[in-house]
Structure formats: structure tokens, C-alpha cells
Amino acid sequence: MTYEPTTSPPSTSPPPTTPNRPGLAIASLVLGLITLIAWCLPICGAPLAIAGIITGILGLNSTNRGLAIAGLIIASLGLILSIVNSVVGMLFAPQFSQMFEEILRELPVQP
């Protein structure tokens, strides 16, 4: 009795590929650029930056990899600026409220 190796027929189906999503890379870049404008309002800048980072990560597998990387960097910078702006705002909020109260006291009261 001889042993013969069995061979399977060659596969005709193409290997699975990841979908090309160049729109996500472009969206990441656009969101990053908008974030650089909106970072002065943390309530707007931070969510836009997070959305830009997520779309940048998803767009890394596309043909526009360079745009995705640029969007990631710009959105990350916007997120850092938004966080710094939030922290500075929380630190200086008591001083601004005292200054505002002093200004109101100096205004003449009209009957």
C-alpha cells in the first residue's frame, strides 16, 4: 500500500481586501482644519477633534494615507489646544467672576 498525498484544487476566489475609503482621509483633514478654528470653544473643538482622530485612524488604510496622517496630526493638535483651553478656563473662572462682580458694583443704579 502506497501513500499518495491528496491535493486540493486551486482556489478561484480572490483574497479578501480591505475597502478603500479615501473619503475618510479627506474628512479627517477637513475636521482637523475646522478644529483649529473651533478649539477656542472647547464644547465645539473637542468633539470635532475626536471625530477627526477617529476618521483619520479609519482612513489610514485608504489610498490617501498622507491626508489621513495629516488629519490625525492636525486633529490631535486641536484636541490638545481644546483641553488646554478648558483647563485654563477652569483655573481663571473664579478670578473672572470676581472681576465681573466688581464692575457691576461700580455701575450706577438707576431707579
Protein backbone atom coordinates (compact mmCIF):
# COMPACT_ATOMS: atom_id res chain seq x y z
CA MET A 1 0.00 0.00 0.00
CA THR A 2 1.44 3.30 -1.06
CA TYR A 3 0.67 6.66 0.41
CA GLU A 4 -0.41 9.35 -2.03
CA PRO A 5 -0.77 12.92 -0.81
CA THR A 6 -4.08 14.49 -1.56
CA THR A 7 -4.12 17.85 -3.23
CA SER A 8 -6.98 20.25 -3.21
CA PRO A 9 -7.98 22.17 -6.32
CA PRO A 10 -6.67 25.73 -6.51
CA SER A 11 -8.94 28.40 -5.12
CA THR A 12 -10.51 30.69 -7.71
CA SER A 13 -11.88 33.30 -5.28
CA PRO A 14 -9.79 36.44 -4.80
CA PRO A 15 -8.33 37.10 -1.35
CA PRO A 16 -10.41 39.38 0.86
CA THR A 17 -9.35 43.01 0.63
CA THR A 18 -9.98 45.93 2.90
CA PRO A 19 -12.29 48.56 1.45
CA ASN A 20 -10.67 51.69 0.07
CA ARG A 21 -12.19 54.69 1.84
CA PRO A 22 -10.44 57.83 0.63
CA GLY A 23 -13.39 59.91 1.88
CA LEU A 24 -12.46 59.18 5.48
CA ALA A 25 -8.95 60.53 4.99
CA ILE A 26 -10.31 63.72 3.42
CA ALA A 27 -12.92 64.04 6.19
CA SER A 28 -10.18 63.71 8.79
CA LEU A 29 -8.21 66.53 7.21
CA VAL A 30 -11.27 68.77 6.94
CA LEU A 31 -12.31 68.06 10.54
CA GLY A 32 -8.76 68.77 11.70
CA LEU A 33 -8.74 72.13 9.94
CA ILE A 34 -12.14 73.05 11.39
CA THR A 35 -10.87 72.02 14.82
CA LEU A 36 -8.02 74.51 14.57
CA ILE A 37 -10.64 77.23 14.28
CA ALA A 38 -13.05 75.81 16.87
CA TRP A 39 -10.57 74.98 19.66
CA CYS A 40 -11.31 78.28 21.39
CA LEU A 41 -14.74 76.85 22.28
CA PRO A 42 -13.96 73.52 23.96
CA ILE A 43 -17.55 72.38 23.67
CA CYS A 44 -17.15 72.54 19.86
CA GLY A 45 -13.45 71.88 19.40
CA ALA A 46 -13.08 68.70 21.43
CA PRO A 47 -15.87 66.69 19.74
CA LEU A 48 -14.71 67.79 16.29
CA ALA A 49 -11.14 66.79 17.16
CA ILE A 50 -12.24 63.38 18.41
CA ALA A 51 -14.25 62.84 15.22
CA GLY A 52 -11.21 63.89 13.17
CA ILE A 53 -8.98 61.46 15.01
CA ILE A 54 -11.42 58.58 14.54
CA THR A 55 -11.88 59.24 10.82
CA GLY A 56 -8.11 59.62 10.46
CA ILE A 57 -7.49 56.23 12.02
CA LEU A 58 -10.13 54.64 9.78
CA GLY A 59 -8.69 56.41 6.73
CA LEU A 60 -5.16 55.07 7.25
CA ASN A 61 -5.99 52.02 5.13
CA SER A 62 -7.05 54.11 2.13
CA THR A 63 -5.06 55.30 -0.85
CA ASN A 64 -4.99 58.79 0.69
CA ARG A 65 -2.85 57.72 3.64
CA GLY A 66 -0.95 61.02 3.67
CA LEU A 67 -4.16 63.02 4.07
CA ALA A 68 -5.25 60.72 6.90
CA ILE A 69 -1.94 61.21 8.71
CA ALA A 70 -2.14 65.00 8.25
CA GLY A 71 -5.71 64.96 9.54
CA LEU A 72 -4.67 62.89 12.55
CA ILE A 73 -1.87 65.30 13.43
CA ILE A 74 -3.99 68.43 13.00
CA ALA A 75 -6.98 66.97 14.89
CA SER A 76 -4.67 65.84 17.71
CA LEU A 77 -3.21 69.34 17.93
CA GLY A 78 -6.75 70.77 18.06
CA LEU A 79 -7.70 68.33 20.83
CA ILE A 80 -4.65 69.34 22.87
CA LEU A 81 -5.49 73.02 22.39
CA SER A 82 -9.11 72.41 23.42
CA ILE A 83 -8.02 70.61 26.58
CA VAL A 84 -5.54 73.37 27.47
CA ASN A 85 -8.24 75.98 26.86
CA SER A 86 -10.64 74.09 29.14
CA VAL A 87 -8.10 73.82 31.94
CA VAL A 88 -7.12 77.49 31.69
CA GLY A 89 -10.79 78.47 31.68
CA MET A 90 -11.45 76.45 34.83
CA LEU A 91 -8.43 77.95 36.58
CA PHE A 92 -9.33 81.54 35.77
CA ALA A 93 -13.12 81.30 36.16
CA PRO A 94 -13.13 82.44 39.83
CA GLN A 95 -11.00 85.49 39.01
CA PHE A 96 -13.26 86.50 36.15
CA SER A 97 -16.38 86.17 38.28
CA GLN A 98 -14.86 88.43 40.97
CA MET A 99 -13.87 90.98 38.35
CA PHE A 100 -17.37 90.92 36.85
CA GLU A 101 -18.97 91.45 40.29
CA GLU A 102 -16.70 94.48 40.93
CA ILE A 103 -17.68 96.00 37.60
CA LEU A 104 -21.37 95.55 38.42
CA ARG A 105 -20.92 97.24 41.82
CA GLU A 106 -19.34 100.30 40.20
CA LEU A 107 -22.20 100.82 37.77
CA PRO A 108 -24.71 103.48 38.84
CA VAL A 109 -28.08 102.12 39.91
CA GLN A 110 -30.95 103.69 38.01
CA PRO A 111 -34.43 103.85 39.58
